[in-house]
Each structure stands twice: as structure tokens, then as C-alpha cells.
Amino acid sequence: MLKVCKFGGTSMADAASIRIVEDIVHGDKSRKYVVVSAPGKRFKEDEKVTDLLYKAYELRRDEKAFSEVFKKIEERFDGIISDLGLSFSLKKEYGEIRDEIKKSTSADYAASRGEYLAAVVLAEYLGFSFVDTRDIVKFDERNIFDMPLTEKRTAAALAGKVYAVIPGFYGSNLKGDVVTFSRGGSDITGSIVAGAVDADLYENWTDVDGFLTADPRVVKNPKLIDKLSYKELRELSYMGASVLHHEAIFPVKRAGIPINVKNTFDKKKNGTLIMPYVDLPKSDKTITGIAGKRGYSVINIEKSMLNNEIGFVRKVLSVLEKHAISFEHMPTGIDTLSIVVADSEMKSPSDLLCEISSEVRPDAINIVSGLSLIAVVGHGMLKRKGTAAKVCSALADNEINIRMIDQGGSELNIIVAVDTNDYEKGINAIYNAFFE
């Protein structure tokens, strides 16, 4: 049995948490490779180390302000080292990092140093080898992740290491410059390592018991999901269930390596096991979970005989591409086209509408803002009658108007758009319909 473990920011927040990590790792000899995040918050008002590093980068031209922020980072790690009873120093590393941040033209290097230092400390504490992801996780000349090269280099680097600690979140491009994944990207690193060494299990240790059927900030005491598929994970994570990065499945999916999301601070709990759909046990549940996101707008386009106009959709999407805007959903009618876009993507809505109008000459075009998306996800919906009707009835019974509905061809999810003012009410209505 070979396990790869990833520990999140709360698991690395202070010496007390790291002692729990040590107990978990040393408690099972099959836990050979450990991936870590930067130290997170120790308490509500605390600052994450990654946020401090971003701040240091922003202040790098102001020596006094930079030094004040960087001192907090040093004190954080020095405190952990002292509390763990370690005798080594990071003085050399601090000096190198300070100098490099001041020379950096990208915030990626600065942001990555929290994971780097955390991994150095944990490797020393556990007595494991340290392997720097700067040497093994590779990005191409456009800073796009290179999976084949990364898997090859990772497997080679770990071949001679019985036990190792590896920093998450970053790698480097062909020039050697540090490149980071998006926030939460240490989950991806853990998955990369698991795939490269052909692990039997990828354990992702965090501060919650696993995936819940709904956001506990919205629904009171939602049920725990004990098992779900890679596809269900992808849908739920992308739509706001933030327990695991939505891209973390890809390196393990091809090899069918299961992911076990577990609670560092309650290791007796089984957590949530994520696996291929074919390995899921049969269930009588119609849906697996509910997730959602606020902050969306819908671009509504009307034109007579739209369905007969070849290239209409391509022309519209070319305008979005020009503005570097990605879209979420695109429901259509005979004479209508609606495109759901995150508000954060649209920098100049009026210019966007003008360009689309110039390109396709619509009869009418407008943007409806103030919307939120709710995703109802689960393999149990496959070929089961009445799921969409049940979602719509639950919302209607609570006087919530559906502004858009879209069901994927896989029948894995149903997406509804509602006014943001009805977002939490809508999630609760759907949850009660399916889980209560």
C-alpha cells in the first residue's frame, strides 16, 4: 500500500497542528509522500502566510513597509520551529527570499514561498527528504501546466526516496521561473504526486469531515457525503464546494486512484471517498449534493430565424474570446441565445454589447445582472423521471422565480439561475425537497 498525503493550511498553521500531522504520518508507514500548503490562519483574525507574501510583493519597493510584513512571516516560521523543538534556522532562506521578491516581476515566486518553507520545516521535523516542486512540476513557455513532463520528472525524483515532503501550489516554467496554480492548488500537487508514483490512495487532509451535501454556511447541519465520483466532485467543487480544488481529479482520474478527504483534527472519521463512477456502490439517492455561486449575469440575445443563421453562435463567442471572457452556460431557443457569464469576467458590459450587436445584428440584446447559480448534482438523476420537476416545484413552493434552467447532456447536473436575493432560500428549498 502506498499513500500520498496532502495537508492543508490549517493543518500546517502552528506547531500543535503539525504535531497532529506527525502523528498521522508516522502512524501509517504507507504514508510515504507528504504534500503541504503554507500555514493558514491560527484564529479568526489571523493572516494566512500566503496573504502576507502577496502583501510583501506589493510593498517590495517600500523598504520599511516590506520589512514589517516580511518580519511577520519570519516570526511565524521561527515560532513554529521553536515550538517544535527544532534546532535549525531558516536565516539563509529568508535572505534569499527577500532578495528574490524584490527582484521579481511576478507575484508567483513570493506566493510560493509559504509552501516552500512549510515543506522544509516539516521535512526536518519528520526526518523525511525534501523534494522541491520547482524541479519537478513543469509549465511550458506560456505557463501552461505540462502534465506528461511533470509526471516523468516527479516519478524520477521520488524513485530513490522512501519518504519525502513536497511543497504544493507551484512549479516552474522552461526558464526556471516559479509559476503557481490558482489558490488551493496544493490539492493539485498532491494529485500529481499520487498519479506519478501510482499511489493506491491520495489522502487530502483538511479541517472538515469531508464533502457535505450543501454549504453549512447556508444549510443548517447538512449531511456528509460518504462516497462520490470524480465527475460529481468536479461539478460540486467548480460550483462552490471548496473542500477540494476542482482540477485535483485529473492527475489521479486516469489511473483510477481514489481520493479520501479527511479531517486532520478528527482522524477517526472516515471522511469522503472519491472514486470512479463504476466503483460507486449502488444508492437510492436521487442527488448527491447541492452547490452554488453568486455573482452572475446573463446576456440575452434575440433574433428572428436565429436557428437558420450559420455561424451565429461562433460570431458571438468570438467577441467573448476577444475580451478574454469565458462563459458558464449557454441555453438556446429557436430565436434566442442566452450566455451566462460571471460578473468578474465583464470589465465593460456596454462595450461588449456594442461589439456583439455589430457582429450579429440582433433584434434585441440586454444583460440581466444580480443572478446566482445553484447546481443540483448526482448520478442518481440518470434516467430518473421527475428530478427537474422536483427542483422546480421546490423553488415554486417557496415563491422563487427561476431565471434560467440548464441540464447537461450527461444528466449529472441541473443548473438553475435565481435572483441573488433568493440564493440561500433556494438552496434550502432544494435541500429540504431531496434530503429532509
Protein backbone atom coordinates (compact mmCIF):
# COMPACT_ATOMS: atom_id res chain seq x y z
CA MET A 1 0.00 0.00 0.00
CA LEU A 2 1.34 3.43 -0.99
CA LYS A 3 -0.39 6.61 0.15
CA VAL A 4 0.24 10.23 -0.78
CA CYS A 5 -0.97 12.75 1.81
CA LYS A 6 -1.69 16.42 1.34
CA PHE A 7 -2.15 18.65 4.39
CA GLY A 8 -3.92 22.00 4.06
CA GLY A 9 -3.16 25.36 5.58
CA THR A 10 -4.98 24.77 8.86
CA SER A 11 -3.05 21.52 9.32
CA MET A 12 0.20 23.49 9.00
CA ALA A 13 -0.92 26.60 10.90
CA ASP A 14 1.13 26.11 14.06
CA ALA A 15 3.27 23.64 15.99
CA ALA A 16 0.27 21.99 17.67
CA SER A 17 -1.32 21.22 14.28
CA ILE A 18 1.98 19.97 12.88
CA ARG A 19 2.33 17.55 15.80
CA ILE A 20 -1.04 16.10 14.77
CA VAL A 21 0.28 15.83 11.20
CA GLU A 22 3.32 13.95 12.50
CA ASP A 23 1.09 11.55 14.42
CA ILE A 24 -0.98 10.87 11.28
CA VAL A 25 2.01 10.36 9.00
CA HIS A 26 4.10 8.27 11.37
CA GLY A 27 1.01 6.30 12.38
CA ASP A 28 0.92 4.60 8.97
CA LYS A 29 4.14 3.56 7.21
CA SER A 30 2.35 3.50 3.86
CA ARG A 31 2.10 7.33 4.03
CA LYS A 32 5.35 7.88 2.17
CA TYR A 33 4.95 11.19 0.36
CA VAL A 34 3.57 14.30 2.03
CA VAL A 35 2.48 17.48 0.20
CA VAL A 36 1.89 20.64 2.22
CA SER A 37 0.23 24.02 1.93
CA ALA A 38 1.50 27.23 3.50
CA PRO A 39 0.45 27.85 7.12
CA GLY A 40 -3.12 29.10 7.31
CA LYS A 41 -4.98 31.02 9.99
CA ARG A 42 -4.48 30.03 13.63
CA PHE A 43 -7.54 32.00 14.69
CA LYS A 44 -10.25 34.08 13.01
CA GLU A 45 -8.37 37.39 12.96
CA ASP A 46 -5.07 35.81 11.92
CA GLU A 47 -3.44 36.23 8.49
CA LYS A 48 -2.54 33.38 6.16
CA VAL A 49 1.14 33.22 5.28
CA THR A 50 0.31 33.28 1.56
CA ASP A 51 -1.62 36.54 2.01
CA LEU A 52 1.36 38.04 3.85
CA LEU A 53 3.65 37.03 0.99
CA TYR A 54 1.36 38.62 -1.58
CA LYS A 55 1.37 41.76 0.55
CA ALA A 56 5.17 41.68 0.78
CA TYR A 57 5.37 41.51 -3.01
CA GLU A 58 3.07 44.52 -3.38
CA LEU A 59 5.22 46.51 -0.93
CA ARG A 60 8.60 45.40 -2.30
CA ARG A 61 9.50 48.94 -3.43
CA ASP A 62 8.84 50.35 0.06
CA GLU A 63 11.68 49.01 2.22
CA LYS A 64 10.15 49.89 5.57
CA ALA A 65 6.66 48.52 4.82
CA PHE A 66 8.14 45.45 3.13
CA SER A 67 10.37 44.69 6.12
CA GLU A 68 7.46 44.99 8.55
CA VAL A 69 5.41 42.45 6.60
CA PHE A 70 8.31 40.11 6.00
CA LYS A 71 9.18 40.18 9.69
CA LYS A 72 5.72 38.74 10.42
CA ILE A 73 6.47 35.86 8.05
CA GLU A 74 9.82 35.19 9.72
CA GLU A 75 8.27 35.32 13.18
CA ARG A 76 5.57 32.87 12.10
CA PHE A 77 8.03 30.23 10.93
CA ASP A 78 10.55 30.87 13.69
CA GLY A 79 7.75 30.39 16.22
CA ILE A 80 6.79 27.06 14.67
CA ILE A 81 10.43 25.90 14.64
CA SER A 82 10.93 26.90 18.27
CA ASP A 83 7.66 25.32 19.46
CA LEU A 84 8.55 22.07 17.68
CA GLY A 85 11.89 22.00 19.49
CA LEU A 86 13.91 22.06 16.27
CA SER A 87 17.42 23.44 16.27
CA PHE A 88 17.87 24.50 12.65
CA SER A 89 17.49 28.00 11.20
CA LEU A 90 15.85 29.45 8.09
CA LYS A 91 18.01 32.59 8.15
CA LYS A 92 19.68 31.76 4.83
CA GLU A 93 16.33 31.03 3.17
CA TYR A 94 14.84 34.28 4.48
CA GLY A 95 17.68 36.29 2.95
CA GLU A 96 17.33 34.61 -0.43
CA ILE A 97 13.57 35.05 -0.45
CA ARG A 98 13.76 38.74 0.48
CA ASP A 99 16.22 39.40 -2.34
CA GLU A 100 14.25 37.42 -4.92
CA ILE A 101 10.90 39.05 -4.06
CA LYS A 102 12.43 42.49 -4.56
CA LYS A 103 13.71 41.45 -7.99
CA SER A 104 10.54 39.59 -9.02
CA THR A 105 8.36 40.73 -11.89
CA SER A 106 5.66 38.24 -10.90
CA ALA A 107 3.90 37.60 -7.60
CA ASP A 108 4.11 33.85 -8.17
CA TYR A 109 7.57 33.48 -6.63
CA ALA A 110 6.54 35.37 -3.49
CA ALA A 111 3.29 33.44 -3.12
CA SER A 112 5.08 30.09 -3.42
CA ARG A 113 7.48 30.64 -0.54
CA GLY A 114 4.93 29.75 2.14
CA GLU A 115 4.65 26.20 0.81
CA TYR A 116 8.40 26.02 0.30
CA LEU A 117 9.26 27.00 3.88
CA ALA A 118 6.49 24.85 5.35
CA ALA A 119 7.83 21.81 3.49
CA VAL A 120 11.40 22.50 4.62
CA VAL A 121 10.25 22.68 8.25
CA LEU A 122 8.06 19.57 8.07
CA ALA A 123 10.76 17.54 6.32
CA GLU A 124 13.16 18.40 9.12
CA TYR A 125 10.59 17.55 11.79
CA LEU A 126 9.55 14.22 10.24
CA GLY A 127 13.05 13.21 9.23
CA PHE A 128 11.96 12.92 5.57
CA SER A 129 13.73 14.01 2.38
CA PHE A 130 12.77 17.38 0.91
CA VAL A 131 11.88 17.50 -2.80
CA ASP A 132 11.27 20.93 -4.32
CA THR A 133 8.36 21.09 -6.77
CA ARG A 134 10.24 23.83 -8.62
CA ASP A 135 12.33 20.98 -10.04
CA ILE A 136 9.53 18.56 -10.90
CA VAL A 137 6.25 20.40 -11.62
CA LYS A 138 6.72 21.99 -15.02
CA PHE A 139 4.92 24.61 -17.09
CA ASP A 140 5.57 25.42 -20.75
CA GLU A 141 6.66 28.70 -22.35
CA ARG A 142 3.09 30.03 -21.99
CA ASN A 143 2.96 28.97 -18.31
CA ILE A 144 0.50 26.19 -19.15
CA PHE A 145 0.89 23.10 -16.98
CA ASP A 146 2.79 20.26 -18.71
CA MET A 147 1.35 17.04 -17.31
CA PRO A 148 3.47 14.46 -19.20
CA LEU A 149 6.79 16.16 -18.37
CA THR A 150 5.73 16.70 -14.75
CA GLU A 151 4.75 13.07 -14.24
CA LYS A 152 8.05 11.91 -15.72
CA ARG A 153 10.17 14.24 -13.57
CA THR A 154 8.15 13.58 -10.41
CA ALA A 155 8.43 9.81 -10.76
CA ALA A 156 12.19 10.09 -11.35
CA ALA A 157 12.75 12.45 -8.41
CA LEU A 158 10.86 10.24 -5.97
CA ALA A 159 12.16 6.90 -7.23
CA GLY A 160 15.06 6.93 -4.79
CA LYS A 161 13.16 8.49 -1.89
CA VAL A 162 11.41 6.18 0.57
CA TYR A 163 9.79 9.12 2.36
CA ALA A 164 9.60 12.75 1.22
CA VAL A 165 7.92 16.09 1.89
CA ILE A 166 6.96 18.15 -1.15
CA PRO A 167 5.66 21.75 -1.23
CA GLY A 168 2.38 22.23 -3.04
CA PHE A 169 0.93 25.02 -5.17
CA TYR A 170 3.85 25.79 -7.51
CA GLY A 171 6.34 24.61 -10.10
CA SER A 172 8.46 26.34 -12.73
CA ASN A 173 8.43 27.08 -16.44
CA LEU A 174 11.10 26.30 -19.02
CA LYS A 175 13.07 29.39 -17.99
CA GLY A 176 13.11 28.26 -14.39
CA ASP A 177 10.73 30.98 -13.18
CA VAL A 178 8.29 29.95 -10.46
CA VAL A 179 4.69 29.51 -11.64
CA THR A 180 1.78 28.85 -9.29
CA PHE A 181 -1.54 27.11 -9.73
CA SER A 182 -4.66 29.02 -8.70
CA ARG A 183 -5.38 29.35 -4.97
CA GLY A 184 -5.93 25.96 -3.40
CA GLY A 185 -3.53 24.48 -5.94
CA SER A 186 -1.70 22.33 -3.38
CA ASP A 187 -4.58 19.89 -3.88
CA ILE A 188 -3.45 19.60 -7.50
CA THR A 189 0.16 18.99 -6.47
CA GLY A 190 -0.90 16.17 -4.18
CA SER A 191 -2.86 14.62 -7.02
CA ILE A 192 0.11 14.98 -9.38
CA VAL A 193 2.41 13.17 -6.94
CA ALA A 194 -0.18 10.43 -6.37
CA GLY A 195 -0.54 9.86 -10.10
CA ALA A 196 3.21 9.95 -10.79
CA VAL A 197 4.05 7.30 -8.17
CA ASP A 198 0.93 5.23 -8.93
CA ALA A 199 -0.31 5.53 -5.35
CA ASP A 200 -3.04 3.28 -4.01
CA LEU A 201 -4.72 6.23 -2.25
CA TYR A 202 -4.47 10.02 -2.22
CA GLU A 203 -5.41 11.37 1.21
CA ASN A 204 -6.36 15.04 1.34
CA TRP A 205 -6.32 16.20 4.95
CA THR A 206 -8.20 19.38 5.79
CA ASP A 207 -10.22 20.94 8.62
CA VAL A 208 -13.64 19.47 7.76
CA ASP A 209 -15.01 15.93 7.87
CA GLY A 210 -15.36 15.73 4.09
CA PHE A 211 -17.79 16.88 1.41
CA LEU A 212 -21.21 17.89 2.65
CA THR A 213 -24.48 17.73 0.75
CA ALA A 214 -24.69 21.54 0.92
CA ASP A 215 -22.76 24.56 2.18
CA PRO A 216 -23.03 24.56 6.01
CA ARG A 217 -23.00 28.37 5.94
CA VAL A 218 -26.29 28.21 4.04
CA VAL A 219 -27.95 24.97 5.19
CA LYS A 220 -28.02 24.02 8.86
CA ASN A 221 -26.25 20.71 9.59
CA PRO A 222 -26.13 19.29 6.06
CA LYS A 223 -25.41 15.57 5.76
CA LEU A 224 -21.93 14.22 4.98
CA ILE A 225 -21.35 12.58 1.58
CA ASP A 226 -19.53 9.32 2.25
CA LYS A 227 -18.76 8.47 -1.39
CA LEU A 228 -18.92 10.34 -4.69
CA SER A 229 -17.49 10.03 -8.19
CA TYR A 230 -14.76 12.07 -9.86
CA LYS A 231 -17.38 13.72 -12.06
CA GLU A 232 -19.59 14.64 -9.12
CA LEU A 233 -16.55 16.09 -7.34
CA ARG A 234 -15.69 18.17 -10.38
CA GLU A 235 -19.21 19.59 -10.62
CA LEU A 236 -19.58 20.32 -6.91
CA SER A 237 -16.09 21.81 -6.49
CA TYR A 238 -16.38 24.02 -9.54
CA MET A 239 -19.75 25.28 -8.38
CA GLY A 240 -18.52 26.36 -4.97
CA ALA A 241 -17.94 23.33 -2.75
CA SER A 242 -14.43 24.45 -1.76
CA VAL A 243 -13.21 21.38 0.13
CA LEU A 244 -11.04 20.27 -2.81
CA HIS A 245 -9.74 22.14 -5.86
CA HIS A 246 -11.88 21.18 -8.88
CA GLU A 247 -8.79 20.42 -11.01
CA ALA A 248 -7.33 17.98 -8.48
CA ILE A 249 -9.04 14.96 -10.00
CA PHE A 250 -7.29 14.96 -13.37
CA PRO A 251 -3.87 13.50 -12.41
CA VAL A 252 -5.48 10.63 -10.46
CA LYS A 253 -8.53 10.02 -12.62
CA ARG A 254 -6.67 8.27 -15.44
CA ALA A 255 -5.15 5.75 -13.03
CA GLY A 256 -8.36 5.36 -11.02
CA ILE A 257 -6.64 6.36 -7.78
CA PRO A 258 -9.28 7.17 -5.11
CA ILE A 259 -9.12 10.37 -3.07
CA ASN A 260 -10.01 10.31 0.61
CA VAL A 261 -10.86 13.74 2.06
CA LYS A 262 -10.34 13.57 5.82
CA ASN A 263 -10.28 15.82 8.88
CA THR A 264 -6.80 16.33 10.37
CA PHE A 265 -8.36 17.18 13.71
CA ASP A 266 -10.72 14.18 13.84
CA LYS A 267 -8.81 11.41 12.09
CA LYS A 268 -11.22 8.69 13.28
CA LYS A 269 -13.87 9.98 10.87
CA ASN A 270 -13.96 8.11 7.55
CA GLY A 271 -14.32 11.31 5.54
CA THR A 272 -15.44 11.31 1.91
CA LEU A 273 -14.08 8.79 -0.59
CA ILE A 274 -13.91 9.94 -4.21
CA MET A 275 -13.64 7.22 -6.84
CA PRO A 276 -14.52 6.23 -10.41
CA TYR A 277 -18.24 6.08 -11.11
CA VAL A 278 -18.05 2.37 -11.87
CA ASP A 279 -16.75 1.69 -8.35
CA LEU A 280 -19.51 3.60 -6.57
CA PRO A 281 -21.85 1.41 -4.54
CA LYS A 282 -25.50 1.47 -5.61
CA SER A 283 -27.52 4.19 -3.96
CA ASP A 284 -31.20 5.07 -3.85
CA LYS A 285 -30.41 8.79 -3.51
CA THR A 286 -31.60 10.93 -6.38
CA ILE A 287 -28.97 13.62 -5.89
CA THR A 288 -25.56 13.63 -4.23
CA GLY A 289 -25.20 17.29 -3.33
CA ILE A 290 -26.06 20.92 -3.95
CA ALA A 291 -23.61 23.77 -4.58
CA GLY A 292 -23.81 27.29 -5.87
CA LYS A 293 -22.16 30.59 -6.69
CA ARG A 294 -23.22 34.20 -6.52
CA GLY A 295 -22.36 36.98 -8.94
CA TYR A 296 -23.57 36.15 -12.45
CA SER A 297 -25.18 37.94 -15.37
CA VAL A 298 -26.99 36.65 -18.44
CA ILE A 299 -26.51 38.14 -21.89
CA ASN A 300 -29.84 37.68 -23.68
CA ILE A 301 -29.84 37.88 -27.49
CA GLU A 302 -32.93 37.70 -29.71
CA LYS A 303 -33.04 37.47 -33.50
CA SER A 304 -35.68 36.15 -35.86
CA MET A 305 -34.62 32.98 -37.70
CA LEU A 306 -31.54 32.72 -35.49
CA ASN A 307 -31.64 28.94 -35.83
CA ASN A 308 -31.12 29.22 -39.61
CA GLU A 309 -28.18 31.63 -39.42
CA ILE A 310 -24.99 29.63 -39.83
CA GLY A 311 -22.14 30.83 -37.62
CA PHE A 312 -24.29 32.97 -35.31
CA VAL A 313 -23.06 31.40 -32.07
CA ARG A 314 -19.46 31.35 -33.32
CA LYS A 315 -19.61 35.09 -34.02
CA VAL A 316 -20.95 35.83 -30.53
CA LEU A 317 -18.36 33.65 -28.86
CA SER A 318 -15.58 35.25 -30.91
CA VAL A 319 -16.45 38.58 -29.27
CA LEU A 320 -16.24 36.97 -25.83
CA GLU A 321 -12.90 35.43 -26.79
CA LYS A 322 -11.60 38.82 -27.90
CA HIS A 323 -12.45 40.17 -24.43
CA ALA A 324 -10.93 37.07 -22.75
CA ILE A 325 -14.32 36.19 -21.26
CA SER A 326 -15.26 32.59 -20.51
CA PHE A 327 -18.89 31.59 -20.16
CA GLU A 328 -20.61 29.20 -17.78
CA HIS A 329 -23.73 28.09 -19.66
CA MET A 330 -25.41 28.80 -22.98
CA PRO A 331 -29.09 27.79 -23.17
CA THR A 332 -30.72 28.46 -26.52
CA GLY A 333 -34.14 28.72 -28.18
CA ILE A 334 -35.23 28.94 -31.80
CA ASP A 335 -34.80 32.72 -31.89
CA THR A 336 -32.91 33.29 -28.62
CA LEU A 337 -29.47 32.75 -27.18
CA SER A 338 -28.53 33.30 -23.54
CA ILE A 339 -24.98 33.30 -22.24
CA VAL A 340 -24.26 33.08 -18.52
CA VAL A 341 -21.10 34.94 -17.51
CA ALA A 342 -19.53 35.66 -14.14
CA ASP A 343 -19.72 39.35 -13.24
CA SER A 344 -15.99 39.32 -12.53
CA GLU A 345 -15.33 38.46 -16.19
CA MET A 346 -17.07 41.52 -17.62
CA LYS A 347 -14.99 44.68 -17.35
CA SER A 348 -17.05 46.80 -19.74
CA PRO A 349 -20.57 45.40 -20.35
CA SER A 350 -21.68 48.26 -22.59
CA ASP A 351 -18.69 47.84 -24.93
CA LEU A 352 -19.32 44.09 -25.01
CA LEU A 353 -22.96 44.54 -26.03
CA CYS A 354 -21.99 47.03 -28.74
CA GLU A 355 -19.48 44.64 -30.25
CA ILE A 356 -21.88 41.70 -30.17
CA SER A 357 -24.57 43.88 -31.79
CA SER A 358 -22.15 44.96 -34.50
CA GLU A 359 -21.17 41.37 -35.19
CA VAL A 360 -24.60 39.65 -35.35
CA ARG A 361 -27.18 42.46 -35.71
CA PRO A 362 -29.71 41.12 -33.17
CA ASP A 363 -33.31 42.27 -32.88
CA ALA A 364 -32.74 42.78 -29.15
CA ILE A 365 -29.89 42.36 -26.70
CA ASN A 366 -29.62 43.04 -22.99
CA ILE A 367 -27.83 41.97 -19.83
CA VAL A 368 -29.66 40.78 -16.72
CA SER A 369 -27.47 41.02 -13.61
CA GLY A 370 -27.84 40.10 -9.95
CA LEU A 371 -28.15 36.36 -10.51
CA SER A 372 -26.78 33.32 -8.71
CA LEU A 373 -26.39 29.75 -9.93
CA ILE A 374 -27.48 26.66 -7.99
CA ALA A 375 -26.22 23.25 -9.12
CA VAL A 376 -28.03 20.03 -8.24
CA VAL A 377 -25.56 17.19 -8.80
CA GLY A 378 -25.72 13.40 -8.76
CA HIS A 379 -25.53 10.23 -10.83
CA GLY A 380 -28.85 9.27 -9.25
CA MET A 381 -30.59 11.65 -11.66
CA LEU A 382 -29.54 9.48 -14.61
CA LYS A 383 -32.71 8.41 -16.42
CA ARG A 384 -34.74 9.01 -13.26
CA LYS A 385 -38.00 10.77 -14.02
CA GLY A 386 -39.15 13.93 -12.33
CA THR A 387 -35.90 15.31 -10.87
CA ALA A 388 -36.09 18.62 -12.72
CA ALA A 389 -39.79 18.89 -11.87
CA LYS A 390 -38.98 18.34 -8.20
CA VAL A 391 -36.33 21.09 -8.28
CA CYS A 392 -38.74 23.49 -9.97
CA SER A 393 -41.58 22.63 -7.57
CA ALA A 394 -39.37 23.16 -4.54
CA LEU A 395 -38.48 26.64 -5.78
CA ALA A 396 -42.02 27.48 -6.85
CA ASP A 397 -43.44 26.39 -3.49
CA ASN A 398 -41.08 28.91 -1.89
CA GLU A 399 -42.08 31.65 -4.36
CA ILE A 400 -38.66 31.67 -6.04
CA ASN A 401 -38.59 32.53 -9.73
CA ILE A 402 -36.26 30.50 -11.98
CA ARG A 403 -34.46 32.87 -14.35
CA MET A 404 -32.74 30.07 -16.28
CA ILE A 405 -32.51 26.27 -16.19
CA ASP A 406 -29.91 24.11 -17.90
CA GLN A 407 -29.34 20.35 -17.74
CA GLY A 408 -26.13 18.80 -19.01
CA GLY A 409 -26.25 16.02 -21.59
CA SER A 410 -24.74 13.61 -19.08
CA GLU A 411 -27.78 14.08 -16.82
CA LEU A 412 -25.32 14.57 -13.97
CA ASN A 413 -26.42 18.07 -13.02
CA ILE A 414 -29.21 20.60 -13.24
CA ILE A 415 -28.28 24.28 -13.07
CA VAL A 416 -30.82 26.94 -12.17
CA ALA A 417 -30.31 30.68 -12.05
CA VAL A 418 -32.21 32.68 -9.43
CA ASP A 419 -32.10 36.24 -8.19
CA THR A 420 -29.22 36.56 -5.74
CA ASN A 421 -31.67 37.71 -3.07
CA ASP A 422 -33.27 34.24 -3.32
CA TYR A 423 -29.98 32.30 -3.40
CA GLU A 424 -29.86 30.93 0.16
CA LYS A 425 -33.60 30.45 0.29
CA GLY A 426 -33.40 28.49 -2.96
CA ILE A 427 -30.64 26.16 -1.78
CA ASN A 428 -32.56 25.41 1.40
CA ALA A 429 -35.75 24.74 -0.56
CA ILE A 430 -34.00 22.22 -2.83
CA TYR A 431 -32.13 20.63 0.09
CA ASN A 432 -35.36 20.11 2.03
CA ALA A 433 -37.02 18.58 -1.03
CA PHE A 434 -34.33 15.94 -1.51
CA PHE A 435 -32.72 15.33 1.87
CA GLU A 436 -35.35 16.02 4.55
